[in-house]
Amino acid sequence: MNAKPTLICIPDISGFTKFMSEVDIELSSLVIPLLLNKIIYSNNLGLQVSEIEGDAVLFYRTGPLPAFEDLIDQCKLFYTDFYSQLKKLKKDFKDHKHNHLIPDILGLKIILHYGEEIGAVQIGQNIKLMGEDVIIAHRLLKNDIASDEYLLLSENLINEYKESIIDQNFEWGTLKEGDDQYRHLGAINYRYIDLKPLI
């Protein structure tokens, strides 16, 4: 296993557990895969899929980081395409008694993280990412952000770009600072922005 600098991107469907508990399996087994597929096919940045985790896609990309503008544009596309699919699914399943819950419960949050040493090992047909930074990326999904729909950028990622470039790419809202304490990992700093103004 050769550890390499790696970008991690995790689009995660918020409201997944509530949706699964309030909607019958007939509808949920159609809606969730269609949403995950929409996320995967909205990938214009050459990200690789490591895992599909029920309500999330774990993307990664080794080597040099993309331009910051391209990275943010990709995340905006994930979000807007996700919402286009939500609206389409509400129409497609208009005769289902729970169709109104599709856009009311479900949303999207996106985690971006960068690690200097992330390994990739093949297990069966899948690539499994290994290393502390993979754990950090997953832990960042559990945070104290009040919103359910946001883009979170870890401090590790932010530090790879010039501050002036970062500020130019969030015209739709305010990039805020946050941090959370995680067992075994300590405090992890990040910035985040609400995605809702994009729709």
N, C-alpha and C. Protein backbone atom coordinates (compact mmCIF):
# COMPACT_ATOMS: atom_id res chain seq x y z
N MET A 1 0.84 -1.19 0.00
CA MET A 1 0.00 0.00 0.00
C MET A 1 0.88 1.24 0.00
N ASN A 2 0.82 2.03 -1.06
CA ASN A 2 1.56 3.28 -1.13
C ASN A 2 0.65 4.43 -0.73
N ALA A 3 1.00 5.12 0.36
CA ALA A 3 0.21 6.25 0.82
C ALA A 3 0.49 7.45 -0.07
N LYS A 4 -0.57 8.17 -0.46
CA LYS A 4 -0.44 9.32 -1.34
C LYS A 4 -1.30 10.47 -0.83
N PRO A 5 -0.92 11.70 -1.20
CA PRO A 5 -1.83 12.82 -0.92
C PRO A 5 -3.15 12.59 -1.65
N THR A 6 -4.24 12.76 -0.93
CA THR A 6 -5.55 12.40 -1.47
C THR A 6 -6.63 13.37 -1.04
N LEU A 7 -7.45 13.76 -1.99
CA LEU A 7 -8.65 14.53 -1.72
C LEU A 7 -9.79 13.56 -1.43
N ILE A 8 -10.54 13.83 -0.36
CA ILE A 8 -11.73 13.04 -0.04
C ILE A 8 -12.95 13.94 -0.13
N CYS A 9 -13.98 13.46 -0.80
CA CYS A 9 -15.24 14.19 -0.93
C CYS A 9 -16.38 13.23 -0.59
N ILE A 10 -17.20 13.62 0.39
CA ILE A 10 -18.32 12.76 0.80
C ILE A 10 -19.63 13.54 0.70
N PRO A 11 -20.38 13.39 -0.38
CA PRO A 11 -21.76 13.88 -0.41
C PRO A 11 -22.63 12.89 0.38
N ASP A 12 -23.36 13.41 1.35
CA ASP A 12 -24.11 12.58 2.29
C ASP A 12 -25.57 13.05 2.32
N ILE A 13 -26.49 12.12 2.15
CA ILE A 13 -27.91 12.47 2.15
C ILE A 13 -28.38 12.70 3.58
N SER A 14 -28.77 13.92 3.90
CA SER A 14 -29.30 14.21 5.23
C SER A 14 -30.79 13.84 5.27
N GLY A 15 -31.25 13.48 6.46
CA GLY A 15 -32.64 13.05 6.61
C GLY A 15 -32.87 11.61 6.22
N PHE A 16 -31.80 10.88 5.93
CA PHE A 16 -31.91 9.50 5.44
C PHE A 16 -32.63 8.59 6.44
N THR A 17 -32.21 8.63 7.70
CA THR A 17 -32.81 7.74 8.70
C THR A 17 -34.29 8.04 8.90
N LYS A 18 -34.62 9.32 8.98
CA LYS A 18 -36.03 9.70 9.14
C LYS A 18 -36.85 9.26 7.94
N PHE A 19 -36.31 9.48 6.75
CA PHE A 19 -37.01 9.08 5.52
C PHE A 19 -37.26 7.58 5.50
N MET A 20 -36.23 6.80 5.85
CA MET A 20 -36.37 5.34 5.83
C MET A 20 -37.39 4.85 6.85
N SER A 21 -37.52 5.58 7.96
CA SER A 21 -38.47 5.15 9.00
C SER A 21 -39.91 5.58 8.70
N GLU A 22 -40.08 6.63 7.89
CA GLU A 22 -41.43 7.14 7.63
C GLU A 22 -42.01 6.72 6.29
N VAL A 23 -41.17 6.17 5.42
CA VAL A 23 -41.60 5.79 4.07
C VAL A 23 -41.48 4.28 3.92
N ASP A 24 -42.41 3.67 3.20
CA ASP A 24 -42.34 2.21 3.04
C ASP A 24 -41.15 1.83 2.15
N ILE A 25 -40.77 0.58 2.26
CA ILE A 25 -39.57 0.08 1.57
C ILE A 25 -39.72 0.16 0.05
N GLU A 26 -40.94 0.06 -0.43
CA GLU A 26 -41.18 0.12 -1.88
C GLU A 26 -40.68 1.45 -2.46
N LEU A 27 -41.01 2.55 -1.78
CA LEU A 27 -40.59 3.86 -2.26
C LEU A 27 -39.13 4.14 -1.95
N SER A 28 -38.72 3.87 -0.72
CA SER A 28 -37.34 4.19 -0.33
C SER A 28 -36.31 3.42 -1.15
N SER A 29 -36.64 2.19 -1.52
CA SER A 29 -35.69 1.37 -2.30
C SER A 29 -35.55 1.86 -3.73
N LEU A 30 -36.47 2.71 -4.16
CA LEU A 30 -36.37 3.34 -5.48
C LEU A 30 -35.70 4.71 -5.39
N VAL A 31 -36.12 5.50 -4.41
CA VAL A 31 -35.67 6.89 -4.31
C VAL A 31 -34.18 7.00 -3.97
N ILE A 32 -33.74 6.29 -2.94
CA ILE A 32 -32.35 6.46 -2.47
C ILE A 32 -31.34 6.05 -3.54
N PRO A 33 -31.48 4.88 -4.19
CA PRO A 33 -30.53 4.54 -5.26
C PRO A 33 -30.52 5.56 -6.41
N LEU A 34 -31.69 6.10 -6.77
CA LEU A 34 -31.74 7.10 -7.84
C LEU A 34 -31.01 8.38 -7.44
N LEU A 35 -31.11 8.76 -6.18
CA LEU A 35 -30.39 9.95 -5.70
C LEU A 35 -28.88 9.71 -5.67
N LEU A 36 -28.48 8.54 -5.19
CA LEU A 36 -27.04 8.22 -5.15
C LEU A 36 -26.46 8.15 -6.56
N ASN A 37 -27.22 7.57 -7.49
CA ASN A 37 -26.77 7.52 -8.88
C ASN A 37 -26.62 8.92 -9.47
N LYS A 38 -27.55 9.81 -9.12
CA LYS A 38 -27.47 11.18 -9.62
C LYS A 38 -26.20 11.85 -9.13
N ILE A 39 -25.85 11.63 -7.88
CA ILE A 39 -24.61 12.17 -7.33
C ILE A 39 -23.41 11.63 -8.10
N ILE A 40 -23.38 10.33 -8.31
CA ILE A 40 -22.24 9.70 -8.99
C ILE A 40 -22.10 10.22 -10.42
N TYR A 41 -23.21 10.35 -11.12
CA TYR A 41 -23.14 10.78 -12.52
C TYR A 41 -22.98 12.30 -12.67
N SER A 42 -23.04 13.03 -11.56
CA SER A 42 -22.78 14.47 -11.59
C SER A 42 -21.30 14.79 -11.40
N ASN A 43 -20.49 13.75 -11.31
CA ASN A 43 -19.06 13.91 -11.06
C ASN A 43 -18.35 14.32 -12.35
N ASN A 44 -17.94 15.58 -12.42
CA ASN A 44 -17.21 16.10 -13.58
C ASN A 44 -15.73 16.29 -13.31
N LEU A 45 -15.30 15.96 -12.09
CA LEU A 45 -13.95 16.31 -11.66
C LEU A 45 -12.99 15.12 -11.69
N GLY A 46 -13.44 14.00 -12.20
CA GLY A 46 -12.56 12.82 -12.24
C GLY A 46 -12.35 12.18 -10.88
N LEU A 47 -13.33 12.34 -9.99
CA LEU A 47 -13.25 11.69 -8.68
C LEU A 47 -13.53 10.20 -8.84
N GLN A 48 -12.85 9.40 -8.06
CA GLN A 48 -13.06 7.96 -8.06
C GLN A 48 -14.00 7.59 -6.91
N VAL A 49 -14.84 6.58 -7.13
CA VAL A 49 -15.73 6.10 -6.07
C VAL A 49 -15.02 4.98 -5.30
N SER A 50 -14.87 5.19 -4.00
CA SER A 50 -14.32 4.14 -3.15
C SER A 50 -15.45 3.27 -2.59
N GLU A 51 -16.47 3.93 -2.04
CA GLU A 51 -17.57 3.18 -1.43
C GLU A 51 -18.88 3.94 -1.59
N ILE A 52 -19.95 3.18 -1.62
CA ILE A 52 -21.30 3.74 -1.48
C ILE A 52 -21.80 3.23 -0.13
N GLU A 53 -22.12 4.16 0.76
CA GLU A 53 -22.30 3.80 2.16
C GLU A 53 -23.75 3.94 2.63
N GLY A 54 -24.70 3.53 1.84
CA GLY A 54 -26.10 3.60 2.24
C GLY A 54 -26.73 4.94 1.94
N ASP A 55 -26.20 5.99 2.58
CA ASP A 55 -26.73 7.33 2.35
C ASP A 55 -25.65 8.30 1.88
N ALA A 56 -24.48 7.77 1.48
CA ALA A 56 -23.37 8.63 1.09
C ALA A 56 -22.50 7.97 0.03
N VAL A 57 -21.77 8.81 -0.69
CA VAL A 57 -20.77 8.33 -1.65
C VAL A 57 -19.42 8.83 -1.18
N LEU A 58 -18.46 7.91 -1.07
CA LEU A 58 -17.09 8.29 -0.70
C LEU A 58 -16.27 8.39 -1.98
N PHE A 59 -16.02 9.64 -2.40
CA PHE A 59 -15.18 9.91 -3.56
C PHE A 59 -13.76 10.20 -3.10
N TYR A 60 -12.79 9.94 -3.98
CA TYR A 60 -11.42 10.33 -3.69
C TYR A 60 -10.69 10.65 -4.98
N ARG A 61 -9.59 11.39 -4.84
CA ARG A 61 -8.74 11.71 -5.98
C ARG A 61 -7.32 11.90 -5.47
N THR A 62 -6.39 11.14 -6.00
CA THR A 62 -4.99 11.25 -5.59
C THR A 62 -4.26 12.26 -6.48
N GLY A 63 -3.09 12.65 -6.02
CA GLY A 63 -2.28 13.57 -6.81
C GLY A 63 -2.60 15.02 -6.51
N PRO A 64 -2.21 15.93 -7.41
CA PRO A 64 -2.42 17.35 -7.18
C PRO A 64 -3.90 17.69 -7.02
N LEU A 65 -4.16 18.63 -6.16
CA LEU A 65 -5.54 19.08 -5.97
C LEU A 65 -6.04 19.84 -7.18
N PRO A 66 -7.33 19.78 -7.45
CA PRO A 66 -7.88 20.60 -8.55
C PRO A 66 -7.87 22.07 -8.16
N ALA A 67 -8.06 22.94 -9.13
CA ALA A 67 -8.22 24.36 -8.83
C ALA A 67 -9.39 24.52 -7.87
N PHE A 68 -9.28 25.47 -6.94
CA PHE A 68 -10.32 25.63 -5.92
C PHE A 68 -11.67 25.92 -6.54
N GLU A 69 -11.70 26.76 -7.56
CA GLU A 69 -12.95 27.09 -8.23
C GLU A 69 -13.61 25.85 -8.81
N ASP A 70 -12.81 24.96 -9.41
CA ASP A 70 -13.36 23.72 -9.98
C ASP A 70 -13.92 22.82 -8.89
N LEU A 71 -13.25 22.78 -7.76
CA LEU A 71 -13.70 21.95 -6.64
C LEU A 71 -15.03 22.45 -6.10
N ILE A 72 -15.15 23.75 -5.92
CA ILE A 72 -16.40 24.31 -5.40
C ILE A 72 -17.52 24.18 -6.44
N ASP A 73 -17.19 24.38 -7.72
CA ASP A 73 -18.19 24.20 -8.77
C ASP A 73 -18.72 22.77 -8.79
N GLN A 74 -17.84 21.81 -8.54
CA GLN A 74 -18.26 20.41 -8.48
C GLN A 74 -19.25 20.19 -7.34
N CYS A 75 -18.96 20.76 -6.18
CA CYS A 75 -19.85 20.60 -5.03
C CYS A 75 -21.19 21.29 -5.28
N LYS A 76 -21.17 22.44 -5.91
CA LYS A 76 -22.42 23.13 -6.27
C LYS A 76 -23.24 22.27 -7.23
N LEU A 77 -22.56 21.63 -8.17
CA LEU A 77 -23.26 20.76 -9.12
C LEU A 77 -23.87 19.55 -8.42
N PHE A 78 -23.13 18.93 -7.51
CA PHE A 78 -23.70 17.83 -6.73
C PHE A 78 -25.01 18.26 -6.09
N TYR A 79 -25.00 19.44 -5.50
CA TYR A 79 -26.17 19.92 -4.75
C TYR A 79 -27.35 20.26 -5.68
N THR A 80 -27.08 21.02 -6.71
CA THR A 80 -28.18 21.43 -7.60
C THR A 80 -28.75 20.25 -8.39
N ASP A 81 -27.89 19.33 -8.83
CA ASP A 81 -28.38 18.13 -9.51
C ASP A 81 -29.19 17.24 -8.56
N PHE A 82 -28.75 17.16 -7.32
CA PHE A 82 -29.47 16.39 -6.30
C PHE A 82 -30.89 16.94 -6.15
N TYR A 83 -31.02 18.26 -6.09
CA TYR A 83 -32.34 18.87 -5.93
C TYR A 83 -33.19 18.75 -7.18
N SER A 84 -32.57 18.80 -8.33
CA SER A 84 -33.32 18.56 -9.57
C SER A 84 -33.90 17.16 -9.56
N GLN A 85 -33.11 16.21 -9.08
CA GLN A 85 -33.58 14.81 -9.00
C GLN A 85 -34.69 14.67 -7.97
N LEU A 86 -34.57 15.36 -6.84
CA LEU A 86 -35.65 15.32 -5.84
C LEU A 86 -36.98 15.78 -6.43
N LYS A 87 -36.94 16.89 -7.16
CA LYS A 87 -38.16 17.42 -7.77
C LYS A 87 -38.73 16.44 -8.80
N LYS A 88 -37.84 15.85 -9.59
CA LYS A 88 -38.27 14.87 -10.59
C LYS A 88 -38.92 13.66 -9.93
N LEU A 89 -38.31 13.18 -8.84
CA LEU A 89 -38.84 12.00 -8.16
C LEU A 89 -40.20 12.28 -7.53
N LYS A 90 -40.39 13.50 -7.03
CA LYS A 90 -41.69 13.84 -6.47
C LYS A 90 -42.77 13.73 -7.54
N LYS A 91 -42.46 14.16 -8.76
CA LYS A 91 -43.41 14.05 -9.87
C LYS A 91 -43.58 12.60 -10.32
N ASP A 92 -42.45 11.89 -10.44
CA ASP A 92 -42.50 10.50 -10.91
C ASP A 92 -43.32 9.61 -9.99
N PHE A 93 -43.27 9.89 -8.69
CA PHE A 93 -44.00 9.07 -7.72
C PHE A 93 -45.19 9.83 -7.13
N LYS A 94 -45.83 10.65 -7.95
CA LYS A 94 -46.93 11.50 -7.47
C LYS A 94 -48.12 10.70 -6.93
N ASP A 95 -48.25 9.44 -7.37
CA ASP A 95 -49.37 8.63 -6.91
C ASP A 95 -49.08 7.89 -5.61
N HIS A 96 -47.85 7.99 -5.15
CA HIS A 96 -47.50 7.31 -3.89
C HIS A 96 -47.90 8.18 -2.71
N LYS A 97 -48.42 7.57 -1.67
CA LYS A 97 -48.94 8.33 -0.52
C LYS A 97 -47.86 9.12 0.21
N HIS A 98 -46.58 8.72 0.07
CA HIS A 98 -45.50 9.42 0.77
C HIS A 98 -44.66 10.31 -0.15
N ASN A 99 -45.14 10.59 -1.34
CA ASN A 99 -44.31 11.33 -2.30
C ASN A 99 -43.94 12.73 -1.79
N HIS A 100 -44.80 13.33 -0.97
CA HIS A 100 -44.52 14.68 -0.44
C HIS A 100 -43.32 14.70 0.50
N LEU A 101 -42.96 13.55 1.05
CA LEU A 101 -41.84 13.49 1.98
C LEU A 101 -40.48 13.50 1.28
N ILE A 102 -40.46 13.25 -0.03
CA ILE A 102 -39.18 13.18 -0.75
C ILE A 102 -38.41 14.48 -0.63
N PRO A 103 -38.99 15.64 -1.01
CA PRO A 103 -38.20 16.87 -0.86
C PRO A 103 -38.28 17.47 0.54
N ASP A 104 -39.29 17.07 1.33
CA ASP A 104 -39.45 17.67 2.66
C ASP A 104 -38.43 17.15 3.67
N ILE A 105 -38.02 15.91 3.53
CA ILE A 105 -37.13 15.30 4.52
C ILE A 105 -35.68 15.25 4.03
N LEU A 106 -35.49 14.93 2.76
CA LEU A 106 -34.14 14.66 2.26
C LEU A 106 -33.40 15.93 1.85
N GLY A 107 -32.10 15.94 2.08
CA GLY A 107 -31.23 17.04 1.69
C GLY A 107 -29.82 16.51 1.47
N LEU A 108 -28.85 17.42 1.31
CA LEU A 108 -27.48 16.98 1.03
C LEU A 108 -26.48 17.85 1.78
N LYS A 109 -25.52 17.18 2.39
CA LYS A 109 -24.36 17.86 2.95
C LYS A 109 -23.12 17.25 2.30
N ILE A 110 -22.06 18.04 2.20
CA ILE A 110 -20.86 17.59 1.50
C ILE A 110 -19.63 17.89 2.37
N ILE A 111 -18.81 16.88 2.57
CA ILE A 111 -17.57 17.02 3.33
C ILE A 111 -16.39 16.98 2.36
N LEU A 112 -15.47 17.94 2.48
CA LEU A 112 -14.23 17.94 1.72
C LEU A 112 -13.06 17.91 2.70
N HIS A 113 -12.14 16.98 2.46
CA HIS A 113 -10.97 16.84 3.34
C HIS A 113 -9.77 16.44 2.49
N TYR A 114 -8.59 16.78 2.98
CA TYR A 114 -7.36 16.45 2.26
C TYR A 114 -6.39 15.82 3.24
N GLY A 115 -5.79 14.71 2.81
CA GLY A 115 -4.79 14.04 3.64
C GLY A 115 -3.51 13.81 2.87
N GLU A 116 -2.39 14.02 3.55
CA GLU A 116 -1.07 13.83 2.91
C GLU A 116 -0.74 12.37 2.68
N GLU A 117 -1.24 11.50 3.57
CA GLU A 117 -0.89 10.08 3.48
C GLU A 117 -2.14 9.22 3.63
N ILE A 118 -2.77 8.94 2.52
CA ILE A 118 -3.93 8.05 2.50
C ILE A 118 -3.61 6.88 1.58
N GLY A 119 -3.81 5.69 2.09
CA GLY A 119 -3.53 4.50 1.30
C GLY A 119 -4.80 3.96 0.67
N ALA A 120 -4.65 3.25 -0.42
CA ALA A 120 -5.78 2.62 -1.10
C ALA A 120 -5.45 1.15 -1.31
N VAL A 121 -6.28 0.27 -0.80
CA VAL A 121 -6.07 -1.16 -0.96
C VAL A 121 -7.29 -1.77 -1.64
N GLN A 122 -7.05 -2.76 -2.45
CA GLN A 122 -8.16 -3.41 -3.14
C GLN A 122 -8.68 -4.56 -2.29
N ILE A 123 -9.98 -4.56 -2.07
CA ILE A 123 -10.66 -5.65 -1.36
C ILE A 123 -11.77 -6.12 -2.27
N GLY A 124 -11.60 -7.29 -2.87
CA GLY A 124 -12.54 -7.76 -3.88
C GLY A 124 -12.49 -6.83 -5.08
N GLN A 125 -13.64 -6.30 -5.48
CA GLN A 125 -13.71 -5.38 -6.60
C GLN A 125 -13.64 -3.91 -6.16
N ASN A 126 -13.52 -3.69 -4.86
CA ASN A 126 -13.59 -2.33 -4.33
C ASN A 126 -12.23 -1.82 -3.86
N ILE A 127 -12.08 -0.49 -3.89
CA ILE A 127 -10.91 0.17 -3.35
C ILE A 127 -11.28 0.71 -1.97
N LYS A 128 -10.54 0.29 -0.96
CA LYS A 128 -10.77 0.73 0.41
C LYS A 128 -9.69 1.73 0.79
N LEU A 129 -10.10 2.93 1.20
CA LEU A 129 -9.14 3.94 1.64
C LEU A 129 -8.77 3.69 3.09
N MET A 130 -7.48 3.90 3.40
CA MET A 130 -6.97 3.63 4.73
C MET A 130 -6.18 4.83 5.24
N GLY A 131 -6.23 5.05 6.54
CA GLY A 131 -5.44 6.12 7.15
C GLY A 131 -6.29 6.99 8.07
N GLU A 132 -5.60 7.70 8.96
CA GLU A 132 -6.29 8.55 9.93
C GLU A 132 -7.15 9.61 9.25
N ASP A 133 -6.70 10.13 8.10
CA ASP A 133 -7.47 11.18 7.44
C ASP A 133 -8.80 10.67 6.88
N VAL A 134 -8.88 9.39 6.59
CA VAL A 134 -10.16 8.81 6.17
C VAL A 134 -11.13 8.82 7.36
N ILE A 135 -10.61 8.50 8.53
CA ILE A 135 -11.42 8.53 9.75
C ILE A 135 -11.89 9.96 10.03
N ILE A 136 -10.97 10.93 9.87
CA ILE A 136 -11.32 12.33 10.10
C ILE A 136 -12.46 12.76 9.18
N ALA A 137 -12.37 12.43 7.90
CA ALA A 137 -13.41 12.80 6.95
C ALA A 137 -14.77 12.27 7.37
N HIS A 138 -14.80 11.02 7.85
CA HIS A 138 -16.08 10.44 8.29
C HIS A 138 -16.56 11.08 9.59
N ARG A 139 -15.64 11.38 10.50
CA ARG A 139 -16.03 12.01 11.76
C ARG A 139 -16.63 13.39 11.52
N LEU A 140 -16.14 14.08 10.50
CA LEU A 140 -16.63 15.43 10.21
C LEU A 140 -18.11 15.44 9.81
N LEU A 141 -18.63 14.29 9.43
CA LEU A 141 -20.07 14.19 9.16
C LEU A 141 -20.88 14.40 10.44
N LYS A 142 -20.28 14.10 11.57
CA LYS A 142 -20.94 14.27 12.88
C LYS A 142 -20.36 15.53 13.52
N ASN A 143 -21.07 16.63 13.39
CA ASN A 143 -20.55 17.90 13.85
C ASN A 143 -21.66 18.71 14.50
N ASP A 144 -21.33 19.92 14.95
CA ASP A 144 -22.30 20.76 15.65
C ASP A 144 -22.95 21.82 14.76
N ILE A 145 -22.82 21.67 13.45
CA ILE A 145 -23.43 22.63 12.53
C ILE A 145 -24.94 22.50 12.62
N ALA A 146 -25.63 23.63 12.79
CA ALA A 146 -27.09 23.61 12.99
C ALA A 146 -27.84 23.19 11.74
N SER A 147 -27.33 23.52 10.57
CA SER A 147 -28.00 23.22 9.30
C SER A 147 -27.81 21.75 8.91
N ASP A 148 -28.73 21.25 8.08
CA ASP A 148 -28.62 19.89 7.54
C ASP A 148 -28.05 19.89 6.13
N GLU A 149 -27.88 21.09 5.54
CA GLU A 149 -27.43 21.17 4.16
C GLU A 149 -26.31 22.20 4.06
N TYR A 150 -25.10 21.71 3.91
CA TYR A 150 -23.94 22.59 3.93
C TYR A 150 -22.77 21.93 3.21
N LEU A 151 -21.80 22.76 2.90
CA LEU A 151 -20.51 22.30 2.41
C LEU A 151 -19.50 22.57 3.50
N LEU A 152 -18.79 21.53 3.95
CA LEU A 152 -17.78 21.65 5.00
C LEU A 152 -16.40 21.39 4.39
N LEU A 153 -15.48 22.30 4.66
CA LEU A 153 -14.10 22.16 4.17
C LEU A 153 -13.18 22.09 5.38
N SER A 154 -12.44 21.00 5.49
CA SER A 154 -11.55 20.84 6.63
C SER A 154 -10.39 21.83 6.55
N GLU A 155 -9.80 22.11 7.70
CA GLU A 155 -8.65 23.00 7.75
C GLU A 155 -7.50 22.45 6.89
N ASN A 156 -7.34 21.14 6.89
CA ASN A 156 -6.29 20.52 6.06
C ASN A 156 -6.44 20.90 4.60
N LEU A 157 -7.68 20.91 4.13
CA LEU A 157 -7.93 21.27 2.74
C LEU A 157 -7.73 22.77 2.52
N ILE A 158 -8.32 23.57 3.38
CA ILE A 158 -8.22 25.04 3.26
C ILE A 158 -6.76 25.48 3.19
N ASN A 159 -5.91 24.84 3.98
CA ASN A 159 -4.50 25.24 4.04
C ASN A 159 -3.75 25.01 2.73
N GLU A 160 -4.33 24.26 1.82
CA GLU A 160 -3.68 23.98 0.54
C GLU A 160 -3.95 25.06 -0.50
N TYR A 161 -4.80 26.03 -0.18
CA TYR A 161 -5.18 27.07 -1.13
C TYR A 161 -4.90 28.46 -0.54
N LYS A 162 -4.71 29.42 -1.40
CA LYS A 162 -4.52 30.80 -0.96
C LYS A 162 -5.85 31.37 -0.47
N GLU A 163 -5.77 32.13 0.60
CA GLU A 163 -6.97 32.71 1.20
C GLU A 163 -7.74 33.59 0.21
N SER A 164 -7.02 34.32 -0.62
CA SER A 164 -7.68 35.22 -1.58
C SER A 164 -8.52 34.43 -2.59
N ILE A 165 -8.03 33.26 -2.96
CA ILE A 165 -8.77 32.41 -3.91
C ILE A 165 -10.01 31.83 -3.23
N ILE A 166 -9.88 31.45 -1.98
CA ILE A 166 -11.01 30.88 -1.24
C ILE A 166 -12.16 31.88 -1.16
N ASP A 167 -11.85 33.11 -0.82
CA ASP A 167 -12.89 34.13 -0.63
C ASP A 167 -13.67 34.43 -1.89
N GLN A 168 -13.08 34.21 -3.05
CA GLN A 168 -13.73 34.55 -4.32
C GLN A 168 -14.82 33.58 -4.74
N ASN A 169 -14.92 32.43 -4.08
CA ASN A 169 -15.77 31.35 -4.60
C ASN A 169 -17.04 31.09 -3.81
N PHE A 170 -17.41 32.01 -2.94
CA PHE A 170 -18.61 31.79 -2.13
C PHE A 170 -19.53 33.00 -2.19
N GLU A 171 -19.88 33.38 -3.41
CA GLU A 171 -20.69 34.57 -3.61
C GLU A 171 -22.13 34.39 -3.12
N TRP A 172 -22.57 33.16 -2.90
CA TRP A 172 -23.97 32.92 -2.52
C TRP A 172 -24.19 32.97 -1.01
N GLY A 173 -23.12 33.08 -0.22
CA GLY A 173 -23.29 33.07 1.23
C GLY A 173 -22.01 33.39 1.97
N THR A 174 -22.02 33.12 3.27
CA THR A 174 -20.89 33.43 4.14
C THR A 174 -20.22 32.15 4.60
N LEU A 175 -18.91 32.09 4.38
CA LEU A 175 -18.13 30.95 4.86
C LEU A 175 -17.83 31.17 6.34
N LYS A 176 -18.30 30.25 7.19
CA LYS A 176 -18.14 30.39 8.64
C LYS A 176 -17.09 29.43 9.16
N GLU A 177 -16.57 29.74 10.34
CA GLU A 177 -15.58 28.87 10.98
C GLU A 177 -16.25 27.98 12.01
N GLY A 178 -15.73 26.77 12.15
CA GLY A 178 -16.23 25.85 13.16
C GLY A 178 -15.13 24.91 13.61
N ASP A 179 -15.40 24.23 14.70
CA ASP A 179 -14.48 23.18 15.16
C ASP A 179 -15.26 22.24 16.06
N ASP A 180 -14.82 21.01 16.08
CA ASP A 180 -15.42 20.01 16.95
C ASP A 180 -14.32 19.15 17.55
N GLN A 181 -14.62 18.61 18.71
CA GLN A 181 -13.68 17.76 19.44
C GLN A 181 -14.07 16.31 19.20
N TYR A 182 -13.12 15.49 18.79
CA TYR A 182 -13.39 14.09 18.51
C TYR A 182 -12.47 13.20 19.33
N ARG A 183 -13.05 12.17 19.89
CA ARG A 183 -12.27 11.22 20.69
C ARG A 183 -11.16 10.61 19.85
N HIS A 184 -9.98 10.55 20.41
CA HIS A 184 -8.77 10.00 19.78
C HIS A 184 -8.17 10.92 18.71
N LEU A 185 -8.92 11.91 18.26
CA LEU A 185 -8.43 12.79 17.20
C LEU A 185 -8.19 14.21 17.67
N GLY A 186 -8.86 14.60 18.76
CA GLY A 186 -8.71 15.97 19.26
C GLY A 186 -9.61 16.94 18.51
N ALA A 187 -9.24 18.22 18.56
CA ALA A 187 -10.02 19.26 17.92
C ALA A 187 -9.72 19.30 16.43
N ILE A 188 -10.76 19.38 15.62
CA ILE A 188 -10.60 19.51 14.17
C ILE A 188 -11.31 20.78 13.73
N ASN A 189 -10.56 21.65 13.08
CA ASN A 189 -11.10 22.92 12.61
C ASN A 189 -11.61 22.77 11.17
N TYR A 190 -12.62 23.56 10.85
CA TYR A 190 -13.18 23.52 9.50
C TYR A 190 -13.89 24.84 9.21
N ARG A 191 -14.26 25.01 7.96
CA ARG A 191 -15.14 26.11 7.56
C ARG A 191 -16.34 25.49 6.85
N TYR A 192 -17.44 26.19 6.89
CA TYR A 192 -18.65 25.64 6.27
C TYR A 192 -19.53 26.76 5.74
N ILE A 193 -20.38 26.41 4.80
CA ILE A 193 -21.32 27.36 4.20
C ILE A 193 -22.62 26.65 3.91
N ASP A 194 -23.71 27.34 4.17
CA ASP A 194 -25.04 26.80 3.88
C ASP A 194 -25.24 26.68 2.38
N LEU A 195 -25.74 25.53 1.93
CA LEU A 195 -25.96 25.31 0.51
C LEU A 195 -27.36 25.71 0.04
N LYS A 196 -28.29 25.91 0.95
CA LYS A 196 -29.68 26.15 0.58
C LYS A 196 -29.89 27.33 -0.38
N PRO A 197 -29.11 28.41 -0.27
CA PRO A 197 -29.33 29.52 -1.22
C PRO A 197 -29.08 29.14 -2.70
N LEU A 198 -28.46 28.00 -2.95
CA LEU A 198 -28.17 27.59 -4.33
C LEU A 198 -29.42 27.09 -5.06
N ILE A 199 -30.50 26.79 -4.32
CA ILE A 199 -31.69 26.26 -4.99
C ILE A 199 -32.84 27.26 -4.96
